[in-house]
Amino acid sequence: MTTELESQKFESDINPNLQINGDLSCIKSPSIQGAGIGLRSLHYQYILTQKPKVNWFEVLSDNYFCAGGLPLFHLEKIRQDYPVTLHGVGMSLGSTDPLNLDYLTRLKNLAAKVEPDLISDHLSWISVNGHYLNDLIPLVYTEEVMNFVASRILQVQEFLGRQILIENPSPYLSFTDSTMSEWEFIEGLVKKADCYLLLDVNNLYVNAINNQIDPLNYLDGIPKTRVKQIHLAGYEEKENYLLDTHGYPVHPPVWELYQEALIRFGAVPTLIEWDTDIPSFEVLMAEANKAEKLLDFFQKSGNRE
């Protein structure tokens, strides 16, 4: 896994007061529109031979950091016909480890090759003392942590030369030391770091059920101009909680919450994310078409708060 790369320290220590300079590529209106699908190796040949009518693909950036090989070969071929975004798991933005310069360099090189519309990662941490975990660990929501994570996002954006998106997590617990809600933390973070939000509606719903949160209050707390991409996925129902597997069709409550999100944020480009037990491409297209119909409706109606 690429996140096992040795952590390397940036030349300068983390500076909480670091500000973005004027050279960054500000996200205004990405060229991706409508519903997209996550690119998976299982579907390479189908995409290349059938040229399905997909608006765009989201690429798991960590899988394409090699200098060559078949994955990158297929990605570059597919990129000739479709816009892409890059979505990763290796930034470990909430870790106290130094930012991994090797990881970020590989990401920057990949971005130069495929020219993604957006680059995103998660609001979490995955490394401690240079050792990487196979999961996305949630954060304590305090002003101190917010300032720390914002400073790391600013450094990442400075290095990449562009703004990034962060994705809201699906934690299964809450910390007693937290002094604010998740949406208050995100609202403050995206403003301090001048970054954007990848709103995972499935994560939000799983979080709401597992931690007894009102999902509509969460949506109302998100700055409307900061949501630049949405994820939809499926969860697994356990006896006492929901497990965020991203391995099922989108459940009805998530579709309902998605419509509430579109009311608030407009027809934001939306991805069907399916990470485990990946089905045929036709199944993914059917899910994407459902999202596309809703996006078309909200686009035409202009139904936005």
Protein backbone atom coordinates (compact mmCIF):
# COMPACT_ATOMS: atom_id res chain seq x y z
CA MET A 1 0.00 0.00 0.00
CA THR A 2 1.40 3.38 -0.91
CA THR A 3 0.65 4.82 2.52
CA GLU A 4 3.48 2.67 3.92
CA LEU A 5 5.96 5.18 2.47
CA GLU A 6 8.42 6.55 5.02
CA SER A 7 7.21 9.84 6.46
CA GLN A 8 9.45 12.78 5.61
CA LYS A 9 9.51 16.21 7.20
CA PHE A 10 8.87 19.41 5.26
CA GLU A 11 11.76 21.87 5.25
CA SER A 12 9.91 24.17 7.62
CA ASP A 13 7.99 23.31 10.77
CA ILE A 14 4.22 23.57 10.72
CA ASN A 15 3.21 27.20 10.81
CA PRO A 16 -0.34 27.77 12.09
CA ASN A 17 -0.33 31.25 10.50
CA LEU A 18 0.63 30.08 7.01
CA GLN A 19 -1.52 31.75 4.36
CA ILE A 20 -2.17 30.71 0.76
CA ASN A 21 -0.31 32.86 -1.76
CA GLY A 22 -1.83 34.25 -4.90
CA ASP A 23 -0.50 31.53 -7.19
CA LEU A 24 -2.88 28.75 -6.14
CA SER A 25 -5.50 27.48 -8.56
CA CYS A 26 -8.77 28.50 -6.94
CA ILE A 27 -11.72 26.20 -7.44
CA LYS A 28 -14.55 28.13 -9.03
CA SER A 29 -16.59 25.91 -11.31
CA PRO A 30 -14.97 22.52 -12.02
CA SER A 31 -15.57 21.15 -15.49
CA ILE A 32 -16.95 17.90 -14.08
CA GLN A 33 -20.72 17.95 -14.05
CA GLY A 34 -23.48 15.51 -13.24
CA ALA A 35 -22.96 12.02 -11.85
CA GLY A 36 -19.64 10.19 -12.02
CA ILE A 37 -18.38 6.71 -11.14
CA GLY A 38 -15.35 5.51 -9.23
CA LEU A 39 -12.74 4.02 -11.56
CA ARG A 40 -11.92 0.41 -10.66
CA SER A 41 -9.51 -1.99 -12.40
CA LEU A 42 -12.31 -4.52 -12.87
CA HIS A 43 -13.87 -2.17 -15.43
CA TYR A 44 -10.82 -0.99 -17.40
CA GLN A 45 -11.50 -3.09 -20.48
CA TYR A 46 -15.22 -2.37 -20.50
CA ILE A 47 -14.59 1.37 -20.39
CA LEU A 48 -11.91 1.29 -23.08
CA THR A 49 -13.88 -0.90 -25.48
CA GLN A 50 -17.46 0.23 -24.85
CA LYS A 51 -16.86 3.95 -24.16
CA PRO A 52 -19.87 4.23 -21.81
CA LYS A 53 -21.60 7.58 -21.44
CA VAL A 54 -20.13 8.52 -18.07
CA ASN A 55 -19.63 12.17 -17.19
CA TRP A 56 -16.39 11.65 -15.24
CA PHE A 57 -14.42 9.18 -13.14
CA GLU A 58 -12.95 9.47 -9.68
CA VAL A 59 -9.50 7.86 -9.40
CA LEU A 60 -8.03 6.41 -6.21
CA SER A 61 -4.77 8.31 -6.45
CA ASP A 62 -2.78 6.01 -4.12
CA ASN A 63 -3.14 3.17 -6.64
CA TYR A 64 -1.38 5.08 -9.43
CA PHE A 65 1.81 6.38 -7.86
CA CYS A 66 4.02 3.96 -9.76
CA ALA A 67 6.27 5.32 -12.53
CA GLY A 68 4.63 3.02 -15.09
CA GLY A 69 2.77 -0.27 -15.36
CA LEU A 70 -0.69 -1.35 -16.46
CA PRO A 71 -2.75 0.68 -13.93
CA LEU A 72 -1.20 3.96 -15.04
CA PHE A 73 -1.34 2.89 -18.69
CA HIS A 74 -5.09 2.25 -18.43
CA LEU A 75 -5.67 5.46 -16.49
CA GLU A 76 -3.91 7.56 -19.12
CA LYS A 77 -5.96 5.88 -21.87
CA ILE A 78 -9.23 6.50 -20.05
CA ARG A 79 -8.20 10.08 -19.27
CA GLN A 80 -8.10 10.79 -23.00
CA ASP A 81 -11.90 10.38 -23.13
CA TYR A 82 -13.10 11.38 -19.67
CA PRO A 83 -12.49 14.08 -17.03
CA VAL A 84 -11.17 12.73 -13.74
CA THR A 85 -10.77 13.69 -10.10
CA LEU A 86 -8.16 12.32 -7.70
CA HIS A 87 -9.24 10.95 -4.31
CA GLY A 88 -6.70 9.65 -1.80
CA VAL A 89 -6.33 8.18 1.68
CA GLY A 90 -2.68 8.88 2.44
CA MET A 91 -2.35 12.55 3.45
CA SER A 92 -3.08 11.76 7.12
CA LEU A 93 -4.08 15.36 7.65
CA GLY A 94 -4.95 14.89 11.33
CA SER A 95 -1.73 13.10 12.32
CA THR A 96 1.02 14.66 14.41
CA ASP A 97 3.54 12.94 12.13
CA PRO A 98 5.30 15.29 9.72
CA LEU A 99 3.57 15.58 6.36
CA ASN A 100 4.81 12.85 4.02
CA LEU A 101 6.74 14.73 1.36
CA ASP A 102 7.34 11.59 -0.72
CA TYR A 103 3.60 10.90 -0.82
CA LEU A 104 2.76 14.48 -1.77
CA THR A 105 5.44 14.54 -4.46
CA ARG A 106 3.98 11.39 -6.03
CA LEU A 107 0.51 12.93 -5.87
CA LYS A 108 1.74 16.14 -7.49
CA ASN A 109 3.43 14.16 -10.27
CA LEU A 110 0.27 12.12 -10.89
CA ALA A 111 -1.80 15.31 -11.04
CA ALA A 112 0.59 16.73 -13.62
CA LYS A 113 0.02 13.63 -15.78
CA VAL A 114 -3.77 13.34 -15.63
CA GLU A 115 -4.78 16.96 -14.88
CA PRO A 116 -7.65 16.24 -12.48
CA ASP A 117 -10.44 18.70 -11.93
CA LEU A 118 -10.32 18.14 -8.16
CA ILE A 119 -8.01 16.54 -5.59
CA SER A 120 -9.43 15.28 -2.31
CA ASP A 121 -8.57 13.37 0.84
CA HIS A 122 -10.14 12.63 4.22
CA LEU A 123 -10.66 14.48 7.47
CA SER A 124 -8.83 11.88 9.54
CA TRP A 125 -5.41 10.52 10.44
CA ILE A 126 -3.80 7.20 9.51
CA SER A 127 -0.21 7.39 10.76
CA VAL A 128 1.56 7.50 14.10
CA ASN A 129 5.35 7.59 14.56
CA GLY A 130 5.82 6.74 10.90
CA HIS A 131 3.62 3.62 11.05
CA TYR A 132 0.49 3.55 8.90
CA LEU A 133 -2.90 2.13 9.85
CA ASN A 134 -5.35 0.47 7.50
CA ASP A 135 -8.22 2.70 8.51
CA LEU A 136 -9.28 6.34 8.70
CA ILE A 137 -9.18 7.41 12.35
CA PRO A 138 -11.49 10.25 13.49
CA LEU A 139 -10.42 13.45 15.23
CA VAL A 140 -11.28 15.25 18.43
CA TYR A 141 -13.21 18.39 17.52
CA THR A 142 -11.57 21.30 19.32
CA GLU A 143 -10.24 24.71 18.28
CA GLU A 144 -6.67 23.53 18.81
CA VAL A 145 -7.11 20.51 16.54
CA MET A 146 -8.87 22.67 13.95
CA ASN A 147 -5.97 25.11 13.81
CA PHE A 148 -3.47 22.25 13.57
CA VAL A 149 -5.27 20.49 10.72
CA ALA A 150 -5.86 23.79 8.91
CA SER A 151 -2.13 24.52 9.03
CA ARG A 152 -1.40 21.12 7.45
CA ILE A 153 -4.00 21.62 4.72
CA LEU A 154 -2.45 25.02 3.95
CA GLN A 155 0.96 23.40 3.59
CA VAL A 156 -0.44 20.67 1.32
CA GLN A 157 -2.16 23.26 -0.86
CA GLU A 158 0.99 25.37 -1.00
CA PHE A 159 2.99 22.32 -2.12
CA LEU A 160 0.43 21.14 -4.70
CA GLY A 161 -0.22 24.66 -5.96
CA ARG A 162 -3.98 24.24 -5.71
CA GLN A 163 -6.83 24.00 -3.25
CA ILE A 164 -8.06 20.58 -2.16
CA LEU A 165 -11.27 19.04 -0.87
CA ILE A 166 -11.61 17.21 2.43
CA GLU A 167 -14.18 14.48 2.97
CA ASN A 168 -16.29 14.24 6.11
CA PRO A 169 -15.70 10.98 8.05
CA SER A 170 -18.04 8.25 9.29
CA PRO A 171 -16.93 7.87 12.94
CA TYR A 172 -18.45 5.15 15.13
CA LEU A 173 -17.87 7.07 18.35
CA SER A 174 -17.59 10.59 19.65
CA PHE A 175 -14.93 12.00 21.96
CA THR A 176 -15.82 13.50 25.32
CA ASP A 177 -13.05 16.06 24.79
CA SER A 178 -14.76 17.52 21.72
CA THR A 179 -15.98 21.06 22.25
CA MET A 180 -17.97 21.43 19.05
CA SER A 181 -20.03 19.41 16.60
CA GLU A 182 -18.52 17.86 13.48
CA TRP A 183 -20.21 20.39 11.20
CA GLU A 184 -19.01 23.32 13.32
CA PHE A 185 -15.50 21.88 13.12
CA ILE A 186 -15.75 21.50 9.33
CA GLU A 187 -17.21 24.98 8.89
CA GLY A 188 -14.33 26.53 10.79
CA LEU A 189 -11.71 24.31 9.16
CA VAL A 190 -12.61 25.01 5.53
CA LYS A 191 -12.58 28.73 6.24
CA LYS A 192 -9.24 28.71 8.07
CA ALA A 193 -7.60 26.49 5.44
CA ASP A 194 -9.47 28.07 2.51
CA CYS A 195 -10.22 24.60 1.19
CA TYR A 196 -13.41 22.88 0.07
CA LEU A 197 -15.61 19.98 1.14
CA LEU A 198 -16.30 16.65 -0.46
CA LEU A 199 -19.63 15.91 1.21
CA ASP A 200 -20.12 12.16 1.60
CA VAL A 201 -23.85 11.88 2.22
CA ASN A 202 -23.59 8.20 3.13
CA ASN A 203 -20.92 8.98 5.73
CA LEU A 204 -23.10 11.74 7.12
CA TYR A 205 -26.10 9.42 7.44
CA VAL A 206 -24.06 6.60 9.03
CA ASN A 207 -22.59 9.12 11.46
CA ALA A 208 -26.03 10.51 12.28
CA ILE A 209 -27.53 7.11 13.06
CA ASN A 210 -24.56 5.76 15.00
CA ASN A 211 -24.00 8.92 17.06
CA GLN A 212 -27.60 10.15 17.33
CA ILE A 213 -27.12 13.31 15.30
CA ASP A 214 -29.77 15.18 13.35
CA PRO A 215 -28.51 14.97 9.74
CA LEU A 216 -30.47 18.05 8.69
CA ASN A 217 -28.79 20.15 11.38
CA TYR A 218 -25.49 18.87 10.02
CA LEU A 219 -26.39 19.93 6.47
CA ASP A 220 -27.56 23.33 7.68
CA GLY A 221 -24.19 23.89 9.36
CA ILE A 222 -22.15 23.40 6.17
CA PRO A 223 -21.18 26.59 4.26
CA LYS A 224 -23.07 26.40 0.98
CA THR A 225 -20.26 27.70 -1.21
CA ARG A 226 -17.72 25.15 0.08
CA VAL A 227 -19.33 21.93 -1.19
CA LYS A 228 -17.74 21.09 -4.56
CA GLN A 229 -18.37 17.34 -4.78
CA ILE A 230 -20.71 14.77 -3.24
CA HIS A 231 -20.26 11.03 -2.61
CA LEU A 232 -23.06 8.47 -2.50
CA ALA A 233 -22.51 4.91 -1.35
CA GLY A 234 -24.11 2.01 0.51
CA TYR A 235 -23.77 0.87 4.12
CA GLU A 236 -24.32 -2.46 5.86
CA GLU A 237 -26.94 -2.78 8.57
CA LYS A 238 -25.63 -4.41 11.75
CA GLU A 239 -27.63 -5.24 14.85
CA ASN A 240 -26.93 -2.00 16.73
CA TYR A 241 -25.18 0.22 14.20
CA LEU A 242 -24.54 0.93 10.54
CA LEU A 243 -21.22 -0.18 9.03
CA ASP A 244 -19.80 2.10 6.34
CA THR A 245 -18.67 -0.52 3.81
CA HIS A 246 -19.34 1.32 0.52
CA GLY A 247 -20.29 -2.11 -0.78
CA TYR A 248 -24.03 -1.86 -1.43
CA PRO A 249 -26.46 0.19 -3.53
CA VAL A 250 -27.37 3.55 -2.06
CA HIS A 251 -30.06 3.04 0.58
CA PRO A 252 -33.38 4.95 0.45
CA PRO A 253 -32.63 7.14 3.52
CA VAL A 254 -29.38 8.26 1.87
CA TRP A 255 -31.19 9.12 -1.36
CA GLU A 256 -33.61 11.22 0.71
CA LEU A 257 -30.78 12.98 2.50
CA TYR A 258 -29.07 13.53 -0.85
CA GLN A 259 -32.12 15.42 -2.08
CA GLU A 260 -31.95 17.60 1.03
CA ALA A 261 -28.30 18.27 0.21
CA LEU A 262 -29.19 19.28 -3.36
CA ILE A 263 -31.80 21.68 -2.02
CA ARG A 264 -29.13 23.39 0.07
CA PHE A 265 -26.07 23.17 -2.18
CA GLY A 266 -27.43 22.94 -5.70
CA ALA A 267 -26.58 20.40 -8.40
CA VAL A 268 -23.10 19.54 -7.10
CA PRO A 269 -21.16 16.90 -9.13
CA THR A 270 -21.91 13.56 -7.49
CA LEU A 271 -19.98 10.29 -7.39
CA ILE A 272 -21.28 6.76 -6.98
CA GLU A 273 -18.64 5.18 -4.72
CA TRP A 274 -18.45 1.38 -4.48
CA ASP A 275 -15.31 -0.02 -2.82
CA THR A 276 -16.07 -3.63 -1.82
CA ASP A 277 -17.87 -6.46 -3.63
CA ILE A 278 -17.67 -4.32 -6.75
CA PRO A 279 -20.52 -5.16 -9.15
CA SER A 280 -20.75 -4.97 -12.93
CA PHE A 281 -20.38 -1.60 -14.61
CA GLU A 282 -24.07 -1.69 -15.54
CA VAL A 283 -25.03 -1.75 -11.85
CA LEU A 284 -22.89 1.31 -11.18
CA MET A 285 -24.38 3.07 -14.21
CA ALA A 286 -27.88 2.40 -12.91
CA GLU A 287 -26.97 4.08 -9.60
CA ALA A 288 -25.33 6.98 -11.43
CA ASN A 289 -28.44 7.43 -13.57
CA LYS A 290 -30.57 7.78 -10.43
CA ALA A 291 -28.29 10.56 -9.22
CA GLU A 292 -28.25 12.13 -12.68
CA LYS A 293 -32.04 12.39 -12.76
CA LEU A 294 -32.07 14.18 -9.42
CA LEU A 295 -29.26 16.48 -10.50
CA ASP A 296 -31.13 17.32 -13.70
CA PHE A 297 -34.27 18.09 -11.75
CA PHE A 298 -32.51 20.43 -9.31
CA GLN A 299 -30.49 22.01 -12.10
CA LYS A 300 -33.63 22.84 -14.11
CA SER A 301 -35.74 23.88 -11.16
CA GLY A 302 -33.01 25.96 -9.54
CA ASN A 303 -34.31 24.59 -6.26
CA ARG A 304 -31.72 25.83 -3.82
CA GLU A 305 -32.05 27.63 -0.54
